[in-house]
Amino acid sequence: MTTSAVKNNFLPPGLVSNLQDVLRNRKGSDGNEEQQSDSSSAEPNNNDNESAEPSSSTSNSDAVAELDNSKPLLLVTNGDGIESPGLTYLVEALVRQGRYNVHVLAPQSDQSVSGHSLTLRESVAVSLAEIDGAIAYEVSGTPADCVSLALSGALFSWSKPLLVLSGINRGSSCGHHMFYSGVVAGAREALMSGVPSISISLNWRKNESQDSDFKDAVTVCLPLVDSAIRDIEKGVFPTNCSLHIEVPTSPLTNKTTPQGFKLTKQSFWKSTLNWQAISSTRHPSSGHFMSNQQILGMQLAQLSRDASAAGAARRLGTQKKNIEVIESVGVSGKSDPNRKVRYFRLEVI
């Protein structure tokens, strides 16, 4: 964290001071006092990797019974889905610290480029998930859905958490990509509800990065999280901003940038959106579309395997309505079998 950034008031001085204290305490506990550095070189400690190791804490059901109201409550979500390693390692590290009540509400599947979309015309399914030491649910919705639901009071009995953490996302969320990013949207939704939030992304590179990098990313981020919590508890954390942390590729061994924390403004960088025309006759396993009749046939087959006759009839009626909505129609609103439909697929480069 550079001193120039402090002078420019990018962050309150209290948060900077807290971060320095956290880093000193960590290094002191490891017997490395002689390696302490000032705020311009806040180097993460490799020995903190153990904080991201699998936790031996209690199960989800036990955590409900052992909720300690004296501890601050943290809400964790993400954009990559509840089973992603970024969320797993982050939650395990928070639980291992033993200082927080950790609640998780995350998407069932990858929603990393969902932006700030909400589910309005469909029901959202919520079910318990097993994450040791945390109270966790998976949601058939977006990160913004997860945070909005958590803060609504409809699911949890508490009113607001102390802090919302969103991440750790697989892939950069820099620049204009913040508008597409589901992980940033999770933190932004908390900000809109008046709850402090931090989103975290790891600059993932194909054929170079590996899942263990998320452990290192947790090690890098925890001092910032702990420092923010100190300021929140003191009532001096800014209420009109959300922090986003970008972790470089191979965070503990990265040699292309100085180790430590650097404050910066949002850039104007944007990824390239590449649209390509595709054939509608190829199988959906390759990422392409089928006709409505083919979709209906697959749904009928699934119903015959998984449901009773009565249940299948009810589900089929609902699914027919959904299919009719996306059916190709003419100007009059009737089916037009002669209408030509083209398909395109988006690739983010």
Protein backbone atom coordinates (compact mmCIF):
# COMPACT_ATOMS: atom_id res chain seq x y z
CA MET A 1 0.00 0.00 0.00
CA THR A 2 1.75 3.13 -1.17
CA THR A 3 1.99 6.32 0.82
CA SER A 4 0.96 8.37 -2.22
CA ALA A 5 -2.33 6.50 -2.29
CA VAL A 6 -2.96 7.51 1.31
CA LYS A 7 -2.31 11.17 0.51
CA ASN A 8 -4.83 10.98 -2.33
CA ASN A 9 -7.45 9.72 0.14
CA PHE A 10 -8.25 6.57 -1.82
CA LEU A 11 -8.74 4.85 1.53
CA PRO A 12 -9.15 6.21 5.07
CA PRO A 13 -5.90 6.41 7.08
CA GLY A 14 -7.41 4.14 9.73
CA LEU A 15 -7.66 1.25 7.28
CA VAL A 16 -4.05 1.77 6.23
CA SER A 17 -2.92 1.80 9.86
CA ASN A 18 -4.97 -1.31 10.63
CA LEU A 19 -3.43 -3.12 7.68
CA GLN A 20 0.06 -2.29 8.89
CA ASP A 21 -0.81 -3.58 12.38
CA VAL A 22 -2.24 -6.82 11.01
CA LEU A 23 0.85 -7.46 8.91
CA ARG A 24 3.18 -6.70 11.82
CA ASN A 25 1.28 -9.05 14.13
CA ARG A 26 1.36 -11.82 11.57
CA LYS A 27 5.06 -11.50 10.99
CA GLY A 28 5.71 -11.18 14.72
CA SER A 29 3.81 -14.37 15.47
CA ASP A 30 5.98 -16.20 12.96
CA GLY A 31 9.19 -14.90 14.54
CA ASN A 32 9.99 -12.71 11.56
CA GLU A 33 10.05 -9.30 13.26
CA GLU A 34 13.29 -8.43 11.56
CA GLN A 35 11.57 -8.71 8.19
CA GLN A 36 8.86 -6.15 8.98
CA SER A 37 8.33 -3.56 6.26
CA ASP A 38 6.58 -0.23 6.04
CA SER A 39 3.28 0.49 4.26
CA SER A 40 4.93 0.79 0.86
CA SER A 41 5.98 -2.89 0.98
CA ALA A 42 3.32 -4.88 2.78
CA GLU A 43 4.53 -8.30 1.72
CA PRO A 44 2.24 -11.29 2.40
CA ASN A 45 3.64 -14.03 4.61
CA ASN A 46 3.97 -17.42 2.94
CA ASN A 47 3.52 -19.14 6.30
CA ASP A 48 -0.10 -18.07 6.30
CA ASN A 49 -0.84 -20.74 3.70
CA GLU A 50 -1.99 -22.98 6.51
CA SER A 51 -4.99 -20.71 7.02
CA ALA A 52 -6.38 -21.98 3.72
CA GLU A 53 -5.97 -25.68 4.44
CA PRO A 54 -9.13 -27.79 4.79
CA SER A 55 -10.84 -27.04 8.08
CA SER A 56 -11.66 -29.63 10.71
CA SER A 57 -14.45 -27.48 12.15
CA THR A 58 -17.98 -28.57 12.82
CA SER A 59 -20.49 -29.43 10.13
CA ASN A 60 -23.13 -27.09 8.76
CA SER A 61 -25.85 -28.30 11.12
CA ASP A 62 -23.57 -28.05 14.14
CA ALA A 63 -22.58 -24.52 13.15
CA VAL A 64 -26.20 -23.42 13.39
CA ALA A 65 -26.40 -24.60 16.98
CA GLU A 66 -23.03 -23.09 17.89
CA LEU A 67 -23.66 -19.60 16.49
CA ASP A 68 -21.83 -17.15 18.75
CA ASN A 69 -23.64 -13.83 18.81
CA SER A 70 -20.57 -12.13 20.26
CA LYS A 71 -18.67 -12.64 16.99
CA PRO A 72 -19.14 -10.41 13.94
CA LEU A 73 -21.16 -11.97 11.13
CA LEU A 74 -19.72 -12.21 7.62
CA LEU A 75 -21.69 -13.07 4.48
CA VAL A 76 -19.78 -14.74 1.64
CA THR A 77 -20.96 -15.14 -1.95
CA ASN A 78 -19.22 -15.42 -5.32
CA GLY A 79 -19.73 -15.57 -9.06
CA ASP A 80 -18.18 -18.92 -9.93
CA GLY A 81 -20.59 -21.11 -7.97
CA ILE A 82 -20.65 -22.56 -4.49
CA GLU A 83 -18.30 -25.46 -5.30
CA SER A 84 -15.55 -23.27 -6.74
CA PRO A 85 -12.13 -23.46 -5.04
CA GLY A 86 -11.94 -19.69 -4.61
CA LEU A 87 -14.97 -19.62 -2.33
CA THR A 88 -14.02 -22.87 -0.60
CA TYR A 89 -10.54 -21.72 0.43
CA LEU A 90 -11.77 -18.28 1.48
CA VAL A 91 -14.50 -19.67 3.73
CA GLU A 92 -12.18 -22.28 5.23
CA ALA A 93 -9.64 -19.58 6.11
CA LEU A 94 -12.29 -17.36 7.72
CA VAL A 95 -13.66 -20.29 9.73
CA ARG A 96 -10.17 -21.35 10.81
CA GLN A 97 -9.51 -17.90 12.27
CA GLY A 98 -12.38 -18.51 14.69
CA ARG A 99 -13.21 -14.81 14.97
CA TYR A 100 -16.32 -14.66 12.81
CA ASN A 101 -19.71 -16.23 12.23
CA VAL A 102 -19.55 -17.16 8.55
CA HIS A 103 -22.68 -17.44 6.43
CA VAL A 104 -22.53 -18.46 2.77
CA LEU A 105 -25.15 -17.84 0.11
CA ALA A 106 -23.74 -18.57 -3.35
CA PRO A 107 -25.00 -19.60 -6.80
CA GLN A 108 -25.41 -23.28 -7.57
CA SER A 109 -23.57 -22.89 -10.87
CA ASP A 110 -21.12 -20.56 -12.57
CA GLN A 111 -22.59 -17.04 -12.83
CA SER A 112 -19.29 -15.24 -13.36
CA VAL A 113 -20.44 -13.03 -16.26
CA SER A 114 -24.02 -12.49 -15.11
CA GLY A 115 -23.51 -8.82 -14.30
CA HIS A 116 -25.99 -7.31 -11.88
CA SER A 117 -28.96 -9.33 -13.12
CA LEU A 118 -31.80 -10.39 -10.80
CA THR A 119 -34.28 -13.26 -11.20
CA LEU A 120 -37.73 -11.70 -11.54
CA ARG A 121 -39.93 -14.08 -13.57
CA GLU A 122 -38.92 -17.38 -12.01
CA SER A 123 -38.79 -18.85 -8.52
CA VAL A 124 -35.36 -19.16 -6.94
CA ALA A 125 -34.56 -22.48 -5.27
CA VAL A 126 -32.48 -22.47 -2.08
CA SER A 127 -31.02 -25.57 -0.44
CA LEU A 128 -28.53 -26.31 2.33
CA ALA A 129 -24.91 -26.86 1.36
CA GLU A 130 -22.20 -28.61 3.37
CA ILE A 131 -19.32 -26.28 4.24
CA ASP A 132 -17.60 -27.09 7.52
CA GLY A 133 -17.94 -24.42 10.17
CA ALA A 134 -20.27 -22.21 8.14
CA ILE A 135 -24.00 -21.89 7.60
CA ALA A 136 -24.26 -22.33 3.85
CA TYR A 137 -26.94 -22.34 1.17
CA GLU A 138 -26.80 -22.71 -2.60
CA VAL A 139 -29.12 -20.64 -4.75
CA SER A 140 -30.42 -21.18 -8.29
CA GLY A 141 -29.78 -17.54 -9.10
CA THR A 142 -27.17 -14.86 -9.60
CA PRO A 143 -24.71 -13.34 -7.09
CA ALA A 144 -26.97 -10.28 -6.87
CA ASP A 145 -29.89 -12.62 -6.10
CA CYS A 146 -27.86 -14.23 -3.31
CA VAL A 147 -26.95 -10.99 -1.57
CA SER A 148 -30.39 -9.45 -2.05
CA LEU A 149 -32.06 -12.55 -0.58
CA ALA A 150 -29.61 -12.72 2.33
CA LEU A 151 -30.20 -9.09 3.27
CA SER A 152 -33.97 -9.26 2.85
CA GLY A 153 -34.64 -11.12 6.09
CA ALA A 154 -36.63 -13.79 4.27
CA LEU A 155 -33.98 -16.49 4.78
CA PHE A 156 -31.77 -15.47 7.69
CA SER A 157 -33.01 -14.18 11.04
CA TRP A 158 -30.32 -11.52 11.31
CA SER A 159 -30.81 -8.10 9.75
CA LYS A 160 -27.41 -7.22 8.30
CA PRO A 161 -23.92 -8.76 8.33
CA LEU A 162 -20.90 -6.72 9.32
CA LEU A 163 -19.28 -7.30 5.92
CA VAL A 164 -20.10 -8.99 2.60
CA LEU A 165 -17.26 -10.78 0.83
CA SER A 166 -17.71 -11.77 -2.82
CA GLY A 167 -15.15 -14.17 -4.32
CA ILE A 168 -12.60 -15.34 -4.96
CA ASN A 169 -13.41 -15.17 -8.67
CA ARG A 170 -11.51 -17.14 -11.31
CA GLY A 171 -10.39 -14.44 -13.73
CA SER A 172 -9.76 -10.71 -13.71
CA SER A 173 -12.56 -8.21 -13.11
CA CYS A 174 -10.55 -5.11 -14.00
CA GLY A 175 -11.72 -2.10 -15.93
CA HIS A 176 -14.97 -2.26 -17.86
CA HIS A 177 -15.26 -5.96 -17.09
CA MET A 178 -16.61 -4.86 -13.69
CA PHE A 179 -19.91 -4.15 -15.45
CA TYR A 180 -20.10 -7.79 -16.63
CA SER A 181 -18.68 -9.35 -13.48
CA GLY A 182 -21.01 -11.34 -11.25
CA VAL A 183 -18.55 -11.31 -8.36
CA VAL A 184 -18.35 -7.50 -8.39
CA ALA A 185 -22.16 -7.33 -8.64
CA GLY A 186 -22.45 -9.35 -5.43
CA ALA A 187 -20.42 -6.73 -3.58
CA ARG A 188 -22.23 -3.89 -5.33
CA GLU A 189 -25.62 -5.24 -4.26
CA ALA A 190 -24.44 -5.13 -0.64
CA LEU A 191 -23.22 -1.56 -1.12
CA MET A 192 -26.63 -0.54 -2.47
CA SER A 193 -28.16 -1.93 0.73
CA GLY A 194 -25.77 0.01 2.96
CA VAL A 195 -23.54 -2.94 3.89
CA PRO A 196 -19.72 -2.69 3.50
CA SER A 197 -18.40 -5.10 0.90
CA ILE A 198 -15.26 -6.43 -0.74
CA SER A 199 -15.00 -8.35 -4.01
CA ILE A 200 -11.93 -10.41 -4.90
CA SER A 201 -10.70 -11.71 -8.26
CA LEU A 202 -7.66 -13.79 -9.18
CA ASN A 203 -6.03 -13.11 -12.55
CA TRP A 204 -6.33 -16.66 -13.90
CA ARG A 205 -4.22 -17.68 -16.88
CA LYS A 206 -4.93 -20.82 -18.85
CA ASN A 207 -2.16 -23.44 -18.74
CA GLU A 208 -0.36 -21.42 -16.06
CA SER A 209 -2.67 -21.02 -13.07
CA GLN A 210 -3.77 -23.84 -10.79
CA ASP A 211 -6.32 -24.29 -8.01
CA SER A 212 -3.66 -23.97 -5.32
CA ASP A 213 -3.24 -20.34 -6.40
CA PHE A 214 -6.53 -19.64 -4.64
CA LYS A 215 -4.88 -20.60 -1.34
CA ASP A 216 -2.18 -18.01 -2.00
CA ALA A 217 -4.82 -15.46 -2.97
CA VAL A 218 -6.52 -16.01 0.39
CA THR A 219 -3.21 -15.43 2.15
CA VAL A 220 -2.78 -12.15 0.29
CA CYS A 221 -6.33 -10.92 0.96
CA LEU A 222 -6.91 -11.81 4.61
CA PRO A 223 -4.90 -8.85 6.00
CA LEU A 224 -7.07 -6.49 3.97
CA VAL A 225 -10.26 -8.21 5.13
CA ASP A 226 -9.19 -8.10 8.78
CA SER A 227 -8.20 -4.43 8.48
CA ALA A 228 -11.52 -3.50 6.90
CA ILE A 229 -13.39 -5.28 9.69
CA ARG A 230 -11.47 -3.29 12.30
CA ASP A 231 -12.54 -0.02 10.66
CA ILE A 232 -16.14 -1.18 10.34
CA GLU A 233 -16.26 -2.04 14.03
CA LYS A 234 -14.87 1.40 14.85
CA GLY A 235 -17.49 3.03 12.64
CA VAL A 236 -14.95 4.74 10.38
CA PHE A 237 -15.13 2.53 7.29
CA PRO A 238 -16.42 4.55 4.29
CA THR A 239 -20.09 3.87 3.62
CA ASN A 240 -20.11 5.08 0.02
CA CYS A 241 -17.63 2.70 -1.58
CA SER A 242 -16.96 -0.97 -2.18
CA LEU A 243 -13.43 -2.33 -2.36
CA HIS A 244 -12.32 -4.62 -5.17
CA ILE A 245 -9.13 -6.66 -4.83
CA GLU A 246 -7.33 -7.89 -7.96
CA VAL A 247 -4.85 -10.65 -7.13
CA PRO A 248 -2.09 -11.19 -9.73
CA THR A 249 -1.32 -14.54 -11.31
CA SER A 250 0.69 -16.81 -8.97
CA PRO A 251 0.33 -14.23 -6.17
CA LEU A 252 3.12 -15.40 -3.83
CA THR A 253 5.70 -15.98 -6.56
CA ASN A 254 4.79 -13.20 -8.98
CA LYS A 255 7.97 -11.35 -10.02
CA THR A 256 6.52 -8.94 -12.59
CA THR A 257 5.14 -6.51 -10.01
CA PRO A 258 6.38 -5.49 -6.53
CA GLN A 259 4.91 -7.61 -3.77
CA GLY A 260 2.55 -5.80 -1.46
CA PHE A 261 -0.64 -3.79 -1.91
CA LYS A 262 -1.08 -1.07 -4.51
CA LEU A 263 -4.08 1.25 -4.63
CA THR A 264 -5.33 2.33 -8.02
CA LYS A 265 -8.33 3.76 -9.84
CA GLN A 266 -10.58 1.73 -12.11
CA SER A 267 -9.07 1.50 -15.58
CA PHE A 268 -10.73 1.75 -19.00
CA TRP A 269 -9.54 -1.72 -20.01
CA LYS A 270 -12.09 -3.93 -21.72
CA SER A 271 -12.02 -7.46 -23.09
CA THR A 272 -12.84 -8.20 -26.73
CA LEU A 273 -16.32 -9.59 -27.39
CA ASN A 274 -16.18 -11.95 -30.34
CA TRP A 275 -19.52 -13.01 -31.88
CA GLN A 276 -19.51 -15.95 -34.28
CA ALA A 277 -22.32 -17.40 -36.38
CA ILE A 278 -22.97 -21.05 -35.57
CA SER A 279 -24.99 -23.89 -37.04
CA SER A 280 -28.34 -24.76 -35.40
CA THR A 281 -27.99 -28.44 -36.34
CA ARG A 282 -25.14 -29.31 -34.03
CA HIS A 283 -25.65 -31.08 -30.72
CA PRO A 284 -26.07 -28.90 -27.58
CA SER A 285 -23.13 -30.64 -25.90
CA SER A 286 -20.92 -28.57 -28.18
CA GLY A 287 -22.57 -25.40 -26.93
CA HIS A 288 -25.03 -24.93 -29.78
CA PHE A 289 -28.81 -24.72 -29.98
CA MET A 290 -31.54 -27.17 -30.96
CA SER A 291 -35.02 -26.69 -32.28
CA ASN A 292 -37.95 -26.41 -29.88
CA GLN A 293 -39.13 -29.89 -30.89
CA GLN A 294 -35.76 -31.39 -29.98
CA ILE A 295 -35.74 -29.58 -26.65
CA LEU A 296 -39.23 -30.82 -25.87
CA GLY A 297 -38.22 -34.38 -26.75
CA MET A 298 -35.29 -34.27 -24.33
CA GLN A 299 -37.50 -32.83 -21.61
CA LEU A 300 -40.06 -35.60 -22.12
CA ALA A 301 -37.31 -38.21 -21.81
CA GLN A 302 -36.08 -36.61 -18.62
CA LEU A 303 -39.58 -36.51 -17.19
CA SER A 304 -40.13 -40.20 -17.92
CA ARG A 305 -37.00 -41.09 -16.01
CA ASP A 306 -37.31 -38.79 -13.03
CA ALA A 307 -40.98 -38.18 -12.33
CA SER A 308 -44.27 -39.96 -11.78
CA ALA A 309 -46.97 -39.77 -14.43
CA ALA A 310 -48.91 -37.09 -12.57
CA GLY A 311 -45.82 -35.08 -11.72
CA ALA A 312 -44.60 -35.32 -15.31
CA ALA A 313 -47.90 -33.94 -16.60
CA ARG A 314 -47.64 -30.92 -14.29
CA ARG A 315 -44.03 -30.21 -15.17
CA LEU A 316 -44.65 -30.69 -18.88
CA GLY A 317 -47.44 -28.11 -18.81
CA THR A 318 -45.07 -25.56 -17.25
CA GLN A 319 -42.24 -26.36 -19.64
CA LYS A 320 -44.50 -26.10 -22.69
CA LYS A 321 -45.33 -22.55 -21.67
CA ASN A 322 -41.64 -21.71 -21.37
CA ILE A 323 -40.94 -23.18 -24.80
CA GLU A 324 -43.77 -21.25 -26.41
CA VAL A 325 -42.27 -18.00 -25.18
CA ILE A 326 -39.08 -18.53 -27.16
CA GLU A 327 -40.77 -20.05 -30.23
CA SER A 328 -40.10 -18.35 -33.55
CA VAL A 329 -43.24 -16.39 -34.48
CA GLY A 330 -44.35 -14.08 -37.27
CA VAL A 331 -45.70 -10.56 -37.03
CA SER A 332 -49.20 -11.82 -36.25
CA GLY A 333 -47.95 -13.76 -33.25
CA LYS A 334 -48.55 -17.16 -34.81
CA SER A 335 -45.97 -19.85 -35.50
CA ASP A 336 -44.11 -19.28 -38.74
CA PRO A 337 -42.26 -22.46 -39.82
CA ASN A 338 -40.80 -20.64 -42.83
CA ARG A 339 -39.17 -17.95 -40.76
CA LYS A 340 -35.39 -18.17 -40.94
CA VAL A 341 -33.56 -18.15 -37.61
CA ARG A 342 -29.82 -17.63 -37.22
CA TYR A 343 -27.73 -18.42 -34.13
CA PHE A 344 -24.67 -16.69 -32.75
CA ARG A 345 -22.28 -17.49 -29.93
CA LEU A 346 -20.30 -15.04 -27.83
CA GLU A 347 -16.68 -15.61 -26.87
CA VAL A 348 -14.85 -13.25 -24.52
CA ILE A 349 -11.22 -12.82 -25.50
